[in-house]
Amino acid sequence: GAVYGTLLVNAGKTFFSESFPDLWLFLMAALFI
């Protein structure tokens, strides 16, 4: 599960930073919370 979590969070980080460069930090925080 830790491996899947690593892949999911980093994939989300890459997707959000590419698609929403101004909001990706907030989206990542929302995903985690």
PDB file of all heavy atoms in Angstrom:
ATOM      1  N   GLY A   1       0.807  -1.213   0.000  1.00  0.00           N
ATOM      2  CA  GLY A   1       0.000   0.000   0.000  1.00  0.00           C
ATOM      3  C   GLY A   1       0.838   1.259   0.000  1.00  0.00           C
ATOM      4  O   GLY A   1       0.466   2.268  -0.620  1.00  0.00           O
ATOM      5  N   ALA A   2       1.988   1.230   0.686  1.00  0.00           N
ATOM      6  CA  ALA A   2       2.872   2.396   0.700  1.00  0.00           C
ATOM      7  C   ALA A   2       3.394   2.714  -0.692  1.00  0.00           C
ATOM      8  O   ALA A   2       3.554   3.888  -1.051  1.00  0.00           O
ATOM      9  CB  ALA A   2       4.038   2.146   1.657  1.00  0.00           C
ATOM     10  N   VAL A   3       3.638   1.673  -1.496  1.00  0.00           N
ATOM     11  CA  VAL A   3       4.094   1.896  -2.873  1.00  0.00           C
ATOM     12  C   VAL A   3       2.990   2.531  -3.700  1.00  0.00           C
ATOM     13  O   VAL A   3       3.216   3.498  -4.438  1.00  0.00           O
ATOM     14  CB  VAL A   3       4.560   0.572  -3.506  1.00  0.00           C
ATOM     15  CG1 VAL A   3       4.994   0.792  -4.954  1.00  0.00           C
ATOM     16  CG2 VAL A   3       5.702  -0.036  -2.700  1.00  0.00           C
ATOM     17  N   TYR A   4       1.780   2.003  -3.575  1.00  0.00           N
ATOM     18  CA  TYR A   4       0.652   2.586  -4.307  1.00  0.00           C
ATOM     19  C   TYR A   4       0.395   4.032  -3.860  1.00  0.00           C
ATOM     20  O   TYR A   4       0.073   4.891  -4.681  1.00  0.00           O
ATOM     21  CB  TYR A   4      -0.608   1.746  -4.103  1.00  0.00           C
ATOM     22  CG  TYR A   4      -0.609   0.434  -4.840  1.00  0.00           C
ATOM     23  CD1 TYR A   4      -0.723  -0.774  -4.167  1.00  0.00           C
ATOM     24  CD2 TYR A   4      -0.496   0.400  -6.224  1.00  0.00           C
ATOM     25  CE1 TYR A   4      -0.724  -1.983  -4.847  1.00  0.00           C
ATOM     26  CE2 TYR A   4      -0.497  -0.802  -6.913  1.00  0.00           C
ATOM     27  CZ  TYR A   4      -0.607  -1.986  -6.216  1.00  0.00           C
ATOM     28  OH  TYR A   4      -0.603  -3.183  -6.907  1.00  0.00           O
ATOM     29  N   GLY A   5       0.516   4.279  -2.566  1.00  0.00           N
ATOM     30  CA  GLY A   5       0.340   5.641  -2.081  1.00  0.00           C
ATOM     31  C   GLY A   5       1.376   6.587  -2.653  1.00  0.00           C
ATOM     32  O   GLY A   5       1.062   7.728  -3.019  1.00  0.00           O
ATOM     33  N   THR A   6       2.615   6.125  -2.755  1.00  0.00           N
ATOM     34  CA  THR A   6       3.677   6.948  -3.339  1.00  0.00           C
ATOM     35  C   THR A   6       3.380   7.268  -4.797  1.00  0.00           C
ATOM     36  O   THR A   6       3.511   8.411  -5.240  1.00  0.00           O
ATOM     37  CB  THR A   6       5.026   6.219  -3.228  1.00  0.00           C
ATOM     38  OG1 THR A   6       5.284   5.898  -1.861  1.00  0.00           O
ATOM     39  CG2 THR A   6       6.151   7.098  -3.761  1.00  0.00           C
ATOM     40  N   LEU A   7       2.972   6.258  -5.545  1.00  0.00           N
ATOM     41  CA  LEU A   7       2.656   6.476  -6.960  1.00  0.00           C
ATOM     42  C   LEU A   7       1.463   7.414  -7.116  1.00  0.00           C
ATOM     43  O   LEU A   7       1.477   8.311  -7.973  1.00  0.00           O
ATOM     44  CB  LEU A   7       2.368   5.138  -7.641  1.00  0.00           C
ATOM     45  CG  LEU A   7       3.541   4.163  -7.766  1.00  0.00           C
ATOM     46  CD1 LEU A   7       3.068   2.831  -8.335  1.00  0.00           C
ATOM     47  CD2 LEU A   7       4.643   4.746  -8.635  1.00  0.00           C
ATOM     48  N   LEU A   8       0.427   7.230  -6.303  1.00  0.00           N
ATOM     49  CA  LEU A   8      -0.778   8.052  -6.421  1.00  0.00           C
ATOM     50  C   LEU A   8      -0.491   9.512  -6.102  1.00  0.00           C
ATOM     51  O   LEU A   8      -0.876  10.412  -6.860  1.00  0.00           O
ATOM     52  CB  LEU A   8      -1.864   7.507  -5.499  1.00  0.00           C
ATOM     53  CG  LEU A   8      -3.150   8.336  -5.432  1.00  0.00           C
ATOM     54  CD1 LEU A   8      -3.837   8.350  -6.789  1.00  0.00           C
ATOM     55  CD2 LEU A   8      -4.086   7.792  -4.359  1.00  0.00           C
ATOM     56  N   VAL A   9       0.184   9.764  -4.983  1.00  0.00           N
ATOM     57  CA  VAL A   9       0.439  11.147  -4.567  1.00  0.00           C
ATOM     58  C   VAL A   9       1.345  11.855  -5.568  1.00  0.00           C
ATOM     59  O   VAL A   9       1.098  13.008  -5.949  1.00  0.00           O
ATOM     60  CB  VAL A   9       1.048  11.177  -3.157  1.00  0.00           C
ATOM     61  CG1 VAL A   9       1.456  12.598  -2.783  1.00  0.00           C
ATOM     62  CG2 VAL A   9       0.058  10.647  -2.134  1.00  0.00           C
ATOM     63  N   ASN A  10       2.392  11.188  -6.026  1.00  0.00           N
ATOM     64  CA  ASN A  10       3.306  11.832  -6.968  1.00  0.00           C
ATOM     65  C   ASN A  10       2.678  12.015  -8.338  1.00  0.00           C
ATOM     66  O   ASN A  10       2.932  13.022  -9.016  1.00  0.00           O
ATOM     67  CB  ASN A  10       4.596  11.015  -7.074  1.00  0.00           C
ATOM     68  CG  ASN A  10       5.525  11.238  -5.908  1.00  0.00           C
ATOM     69  OD1 ASN A  10       6.231  12.246  -5.835  1.00  0.00           O
ATOM     70  ND2 ASN A  10       5.522  10.306  -4.970  1.00  0.00           N
ATOM     71  N   ALA A  11       1.844  11.050  -8.761  1.00  0.00           N
ATOM     72  CA  ALA A  11       1.127  11.226 -10.027  1.00  0.00           C
ATOM     73  C   ALA A  11       0.170  12.406  -9.932  1.00  0.00           C
ATOM     74  O   ALA A  11       0.047  13.206 -10.876  1.00  0.00           O
ATOM     75  CB  ALA A  11       0.374   9.953 -10.394  1.00  0.00           C
ATOM     76  N   GLY A  12      -0.510  12.528  -8.793  1.00  0.00           N
ATOM     77  CA  GLY A  12      -1.377  13.682  -8.592  1.00  0.00           C
ATOM     78  C   GLY A  12      -0.601  14.981  -8.554  1.00  0.00           C
ATOM     79  O   GLY A  12      -1.038  16.001  -9.112  1.00  0.00           O
ATOM     80  N   LYS A  13       0.550  14.940  -7.930  1.00  0.00           N
ATOM     81  CA  LYS A  13       1.401  16.127  -7.881  1.00  0.00           C
ATOM     82  C   LYS A  13       1.829  16.561  -9.277  1.00  0.00           C
ATOM     83  O   LYS A  13       1.801  17.754  -9.616  1.00  0.00           O
ATOM     84  CB  LYS A  13       2.629  15.818  -7.013  1.00  0.00           C
ATOM     85  CG  LYS A  13       3.558  16.984  -6.775  1.00  0.00           C
ATOM     86  CD  LYS A  13       4.683  16.556  -5.844  1.00  0.00           C
ATOM     87  CE  LYS A  13       5.660  17.702  -5.600  1.00  0.00           C
ATOM     88  NZ  LYS A  13       6.764  17.290  -4.694  1.00  0.00           N
ATOM     89  N   THR A  14       2.227  15.619 -10.100  1.00  0.00           N
ATOM     90  CA  THR A  14       2.628  15.932 -11.475  1.00  0.00           C
ATOM     91  C   THR A  14       1.446  16.445 -12.292  1.00  0.00           C
ATOM     92  O   THR A  14       1.556  17.441 -13.015  1.00  0.00           O
ATOM     93  CB  THR A  14       3.224  14.678 -12.147  1.00  0.00           C
ATOM     94  OG1 THR A  14       4.361  14.239 -11.411  1.00  0.00           O
ATOM     95  CG2 THR A  14       3.643  14.978 -13.576  1.00  0.00           C
ATOM     96  N   PHE A  15       0.291  15.774 -12.177  1.00  0.00           N
ATOM     97  CA  PHE A  15      -0.891  16.182 -12.944  1.00  0.00           C
ATOM     98  C   PHE A  15      -1.360  17.575 -12.539  1.00  0.00           C
ATOM     99  O   PHE A  15      -1.621  18.432 -13.391  1.00  0.00           O
ATOM    100  CB  PHE A  15      -2.010  15.169 -12.740  1.00  0.00           C
ATOM    101  CG  PHE A  15      -3.319  15.591 -13.344  1.00  0.00           C
ATOM    102  CD1 PHE A  15      -3.521  15.508 -14.719  1.00  0.00           C
ATOM    103  CD2 PHE A  15      -4.340  16.080 -12.547  1.00  0.00           C
ATOM    104  CE1 PHE A  15      -4.727  15.909 -15.284  1.00  0.00           C
ATOM    105  CE2 PHE A  15      -5.550  16.485 -13.104  1.00  0.00           C
ATOM    106  CZ  PHE A  15      -5.738  16.393 -14.471  1.00  0.00           C
ATOM    107  N   PHE A  16      -1.454  17.813 -11.241  1.00  0.00           N
ATOM    108  CA  PHE A  16      -1.931  19.111 -10.779  1.00  0.00           C
ATOM    109  C   PHE A  16      -0.964  20.230 -11.130  1.00  0.00           C
ATOM    110  O   PHE A  16      -1.374  21.327 -11.509  1.00  0.00           O
ATOM    111  CB  PHE A  16      -2.171  19.083  -9.267  1.00  0.00           C
ATOM    112  CG  PHE A  16      -3.316  18.222  -8.842  1.00  0.00           C
ATOM    113  CD1 PHE A  16      -3.288  17.535  -7.637  1.00  0.00           C
ATOM    114  CD2 PHE A  16      -4.432  18.075  -9.653  1.00  0.00           C
ATOM    115  CE1 PHE A  16      -4.340  16.734  -7.250  1.00  0.00           C
ATOM    116  CE2 PHE A  16      -5.497  17.267  -9.275  1.00  0.00           C
ATOM    117  CZ  PHE A  16      -5.446  16.589  -8.065  1.00  0.00           C
ATOM    118  N   SER A  17       0.338  19.974 -11.028  1.00  0.00           N
ATOM    119  CA  SER A  17       1.321  21.016 -11.340  1.00  0.00           C
ATOM    120  C   SER A  17       1.349  21.341 -12.824  1.00  0.00           C
ATOM    121  O   SER A  17       1.634  22.478 -13.209  1.00  0.00           O
ATOM    122  CB  SER A  17       2.715  20.582 -10.871  1.00  0.00           C
ATOM    123  OG  SER A  17       3.129  19.402 -11.545  1.00  0.00           O
ATOM    124  N   GLU A  18       1.041  20.341 -13.668  1.00  0.00           N
ATOM    125  CA  GLU A  18       0.993  20.586 -15.110  1.00  0.00           C
ATOM    126  C   GLU A  18      -0.305  21.276 -15.530  1.00  0.00           C
ATOM    127  O   GLU A  18      -0.298  22.146 -16.396  1.00  0.00           O
ATOM    128  CB  GLU A  18       1.138  19.268 -15.869  1.00  0.00           C
ATOM    129  CG  GLU A  18       2.518  18.645 -15.782  1.00  0.00           C
ATOM    130  CD  GLU A  18       2.583  17.300 -16.482  1.00  0.00           C
ATOM    131  OE1 GLU A  18       1.523  16.772 -16.879  1.00  0.00           O
ATOM    132  OE2 GLU A  18       3.705  16.774 -16.630  1.00  0.00           O
ATOM    133  N   SER A  19      -1.422  20.870 -14.920  1.00  0.00           N
ATOM    134  CA  SER A  19      -2.729  21.377 -15.339  1.00  0.00           C
ATOM    135  C   SER A  19      -3.156  22.629 -14.586  1.00  0.00           C
ATOM    136  O   SER A  19      -3.830  23.494 -15.146  1.00  0.00           O
ATOM    137  CB  SER A  19      -3.789  20.279 -15.154  1.00  0.00           C
ATOM    138  OG  SER A  19      -3.437  19.104 -15.845  1.00  0.00           O
ATOM    139  N   PHE A  20      -2.782  22.714 -13.322  1.00  0.00           N
ATOM    140  CA  PHE A  20      -3.190  23.862 -12.500  1.00  0.00           C
ATOM    141  C   PHE A  20      -1.961  24.400 -11.753  1.00  0.00           C
ATOM    142  O   PHE A  20      -1.818  24.187 -10.548  1.00  0.00           O
ATOM    143  CB  PHE A  20      -4.268  23.439 -11.497  1.00  0.00           C
ATOM    144  CG  PHE A  20      -5.414  22.700 -12.124  1.00  0.00           C
ATOM    145  CD1 PHE A  20      -5.468  21.306 -12.071  1.00  0.00           C
ATOM    146  CD2 PHE A  20      -6.426  23.379 -12.771  1.00  0.00           C
ATOM    147  CE1 PHE A  20      -6.522  20.616 -12.640  1.00  0.00           C
ATOM    148  CE2 PHE A  20      -7.491  22.693 -13.348  1.00  0.00           C
ATOM    149  CZ  PHE A  20      -7.532  21.306 -13.284  1.00  0.00           C
ATOM    150  N   PRO A  21      -1.054  25.079 -12.452  1.00  0.00           N
ATOM    151  CA  PRO A  21       0.209  25.501 -11.822  1.00  0.00           C
ATOM    152  C   PRO A  21       0.032  26.446 -10.640  1.00  0.00           C
ATOM    153  O   PRO A  21       0.895  26.504  -9.769  1.00  0.00           O
ATOM    154  CB  PRO A  21       0.958  26.183 -12.975  1.00  0.00           C
ATOM    155  CG  PRO A  21      -0.088  26.530 -13.979  1.00  0.00           C
ATOM    156  CD  PRO A  21      -1.140  25.477 -13.863  1.00  0.00           C
ATOM    157  N   ASP A  22      -1.085  27.184 -10.593  1.00  0.00           N
ATOM    158  CA  ASP A  22      -1.298  28.120  -9.493  1.00  0.00           C
ATOM    159  C   ASP A  22      -2.038  27.499  -8.317  1.00  0.00           C
ATOM    160  O   ASP A  22      -2.053  28.077  -7.221  1.00  0.00           O
ATOM    161  CB  ASP A  22      -2.101  29.337  -9.984  1.00  0.00           C
ATOM    162  CG  ASP A  22      -1.356  30.132 -11.045  1.00  0.00           C
ATOM    163  OD1 ASP A  22      -0.105  30.137 -10.981  1.00  0.00           O
ATOM    164  OD2 ASP A  22      -2.019  30.722 -11.919  1.00  0.00           O
ATOM    165  N   LEU A  23      -2.644  26.340  -8.519  1.00  0.00           N
ATOM    166  CA  LEU A  23      -3.495  25.760  -7.488  1.00  0.00           C
ATOM    167  C   LEU A  23      -3.036  24.384  -7.027  1.00  0.00           C
ATOM    168  O   LEU A  23      -3.653  23.808  -6.129  1.00  0.00           O
ATOM    169  CB  LEU A  23      -4.935  25.631  -8.009  1.00  0.00           C
ATOM    170  CG  LEU A  23      -5.647  26.920  -8.427  1.00  0.00           C
ATOM    171  CD1 LEU A  23      -6.998  26.583  -9.026  1.00  0.00           C
ATOM    172  CD2 LEU A  23      -5.812  27.844  -7.229  1.00  0.00           C
ATOM    173  N   TRP A  24      -1.957  23.855  -7.616  1.00  0.00           N
ATOM    174  CA  TRP A  24      -1.650  22.454  -7.388  1.00  0.00           C
ATOM    175  C   TRP A  24      -1.307  22.151  -5.934  1.00  0.00           C
ATOM    176  O   TRP A  24      -1.628  21.074  -5.410  1.00  0.00           O
ATOM    177  CB  TRP A  24      -0.546  21.978  -8.316  1.00  0.00           C
ATOM    178  CG  TRP A  24       0.830  22.482  -8.001  1.00  0.00           C
ATOM    179  CD1 TRP A  24       1.406  23.631  -8.425  1.00  0.00           C
ATOM    180  CD2 TRP A  24       1.817  21.817  -7.199  1.00  0.00           C
ATOM    181  NE1 TRP A  24       2.685  23.744  -7.943  1.00  0.00           N
ATOM    182  CE2 TRP A  24       2.960  22.641  -7.183  1.00  0.00           C
ATOM    183  CE3 TRP A  24       1.844  20.616  -6.493  1.00  0.00           C
ATOM    184  CZ2 TRP A  24       4.110  22.308  -6.479  1.00  0.00           C
ATOM    185  CZ3 TRP A  24       2.991  20.277  -5.808  1.00  0.00           C
ATOM    186  CH2 TRP A  24       4.113  21.121  -5.806  1.00  0.00           C
ATOM    187  N   LEU A  25      -0.708  23.113  -5.207  1.00  0.00           N
ATOM    188  CA  LEU A  25      -0.399  22.865  -3.801  1.00  0.00           C
ATOM    189  C   LEU A  25      -1.675  22.709  -2.977  1.00  0.00           C
ATOM    190  O   LEU A  25      -1.769  21.846  -2.088  1.00  0.00           O
ATOM    191  CB  LEU A  25       0.452  24.001  -3.241  1.00  0.00           C
ATOM    192  CG  LEU A  25       1.929  24.007  -3.664  1.00  0.00           C
ATOM    193  CD1 LEU A  25       2.617  25.258  -3.154  1.00  0.00           C
ATOM    194  CD2 LEU A  25       2.638  22.763  -3.147  1.00  0.00           C
ATOM    195  N   PHE A  26      -2.688  23.533  -3.277  1.00  0.00           N
ATOM    196  CA  PHE A  26      -3.957  23.426  -2.561  1.00  0.00           C
ATOM    197  C   PHE A  26      -4.669  22.116  -2.913  1.00  0.00           C
ATOM    198  O   PHE A  26      -5.282  21.480  -2.045  1.00  0.00           O
ATOM    199  CB  PHE A  26      -4.853  24.624  -2.910  1.00  0.00           C
ATOM    200  CG  PHE A  26      -4.261  25.951  -2.523  1.00  0.00           C
ATOM    201  CD1 PHE A  26      -3.622  26.742  -3.462  1.00  0.00           C
ATOM    202  CD2 PHE A  26      -4.330  26.404  -1.218  1.00  0.00           C
ATOM    203  CE1 PHE A  26      -3.080  27.968  -3.115  1.00  0.00           C
ATOM    204  CE2 PHE A  26      -3.790  27.621  -0.852  1.00  0.00           C
ATOM    205  CZ  PHE A  26      -3.157  28.411  -1.801  1.00  0.00           C
ATOM    206  N   LEU A  27      -4.590  21.714  -4.169  1.00  0.00           N
ATOM    207  CA  LEU A  27      -5.220  20.468  -4.577  1.00  0.00           C
ATOM    208  C   LEU A  27      -4.542  19.260  -3.933  1.00  0.00           C
ATOM    209  O   LEU A  27      -5.216  18.305  -3.536  1.00  0.00           O
ATOM    210  CB  LEU A  27      -5.188  20.347  -6.104  1.00  0.00           C
ATOM    211  CG  LEU A  27      -6.008  21.387  -6.873  1.00  0.00           C
ATOM    212  CD1 LEU A  27      -5.762  21.262  -8.369  1.00  0.00           C
ATOM    213  CD2 LEU A  27      -7.490  21.220  -6.561  1.00  0.00           C
ATOM    214  N   MET A  28      -3.225  19.308  -3.825  1.00  0.00           N
ATOM    215  CA  MET A  28      -2.518  18.221  -3.161  1.00  0.00           C
ATOM    216  C   MET A  28      -2.882  18.152  -1.682  1.00  0.00           C
ATOM    217  O   MET A  28      -3.066  17.067  -1.113  1.00  0.00           O
ATOM    218  CB  MET A  28      -1.008  18.405  -3.319  1.00  0.00           C
ATOM    219  CG  MET A  28      -0.475  18.071  -4.698  1.00  0.00           C
ATOM    220  SD  MET A  28      -0.763  16.349  -5.159  1.00  0.00           S
ATOM    221  CE  MET A  28       0.150  15.513  -3.891  1.00  0.00           C
ATOM    222  N   ALA A  29      -2.997  19.320  -1.040  1.00  0.00           N
ATOM    223  CA  ALA A  29      -3.395  19.341   0.368  1.00  0.00           C
ATOM    224  C   ALA A  29      -4.804  18.781   0.539  1.00  0.00           C
ATOM    225  O   ALA A  29      -5.068  18.015   1.479  1.00  0.00           O
ATOM    226  CB  ALA A  29      -3.322  20.774   0.904  1.00  0.00           C
ATOM    227  N   ALA A  30      -5.705  19.137  -0.376  1.00  0.00           N
ATOM    228  CA  ALA A  30      -7.073  18.619  -0.313  1.00  0.00           C
ATOM    229  C   ALA A  30      -7.092  17.105  -0.507  1.00  0.00           C
ATOM    230  O   ALA A  30      -7.846  16.391   0.169  1.00  0.00           O
ATOM    231  CB  ALA A  30      -7.929  19.305  -1.373  1.00  0.00           C
ATOM    232  N   LEU A  31      -6.256  16.594  -1.415  1.00  0.00           N
ATOM    233  CA  LEU A  31      -6.174  15.157  -1.636  1.00  0.00           C
ATOM    234  C   LEU A  31      -5.727  14.434  -0.368  1.00  0.00           C
ATOM    235  O   LEU A  31      -6.328  13.437   0.043  1.00  0.00           O
ATOM    236  CB  LEU A  31      -5.204  14.861  -2.782  1.00  0.00           C
ATOM    237  CG  LEU A  31      -4.876  13.383  -3.035  1.00  0.00           C
ATOM    238  CD1 LEU A  31      -6.115  12.633  -3.494  1.00  0.00           C
ATOM    239  CD2 LEU A  31      -3.758  13.248  -4.076  1.00  0.00           C
ATOM    240  N   PHE A  32      -4.697  14.960   0.262  1.00  0.00           N
ATOM    241  CA  PHE A  32      -4.175  14.326   1.480  1.00  0.00           C
ATOM    242  C   PHE A  32      -5.192  14.369   2.609  1.00  0.00           C
ATOM    243  O   PHE A  32      -5.458  13.368   3.276  1.00  0.00           O
ATOM    244  CB  PHE A  32      -2.882  15.020   1.899  1.00  0.00           C
ATOM    245  CG  PHE A  32      -2.394  14.601   3.254  1.00  0.00           C
ATOM    246  CD1 PHE A  32      -2.019  13.291   3.495  1.00  0.00           C
ATOM    247  CD2 PHE A  32      -2.320  15.504   4.294  1.00  0.00           C
ATOM    248  CE1 PHE A  32      -1.579  12.891   4.740  1.00  0.00           C
ATOM    249  CE2 PHE A  32      -1.883  15.118   5.545  1.00  0.00           C
ATOM    250  CZ  PHE A  32      -1.514  13.805   5.772  1.00  0.00           C
ATOM    251  N   ILE A  33      -5.783  15.551   2.838  1.00  0.00           N
ATOM    252  CA  ILE A  33      -6.743  15.694   3.935  1.00  0.00           C
ATOM    253  C   ILE A  33      -7.963  14.806   3.691  1.00  0.00           C
ATOM    254  O   ILE A  33      -8.465  14.138   4.601  1.00  0.00           O
ATOM    255  CB  ILE A  33      -7.163  17.171   4.095  1.00  0.00           C
ATOM    256  CG1 ILE A  33      -5.959  18.006   4.543  1.00  0.00           C
ATOM    257  CG2 ILE A  33      -8.306  17.308   5.089  1.00  0.00           C
ATOM    258  CD1 ILE A  33      -6.226  19.498   4.547  1.00  0.00           C
TER     259      ILE A  33
END
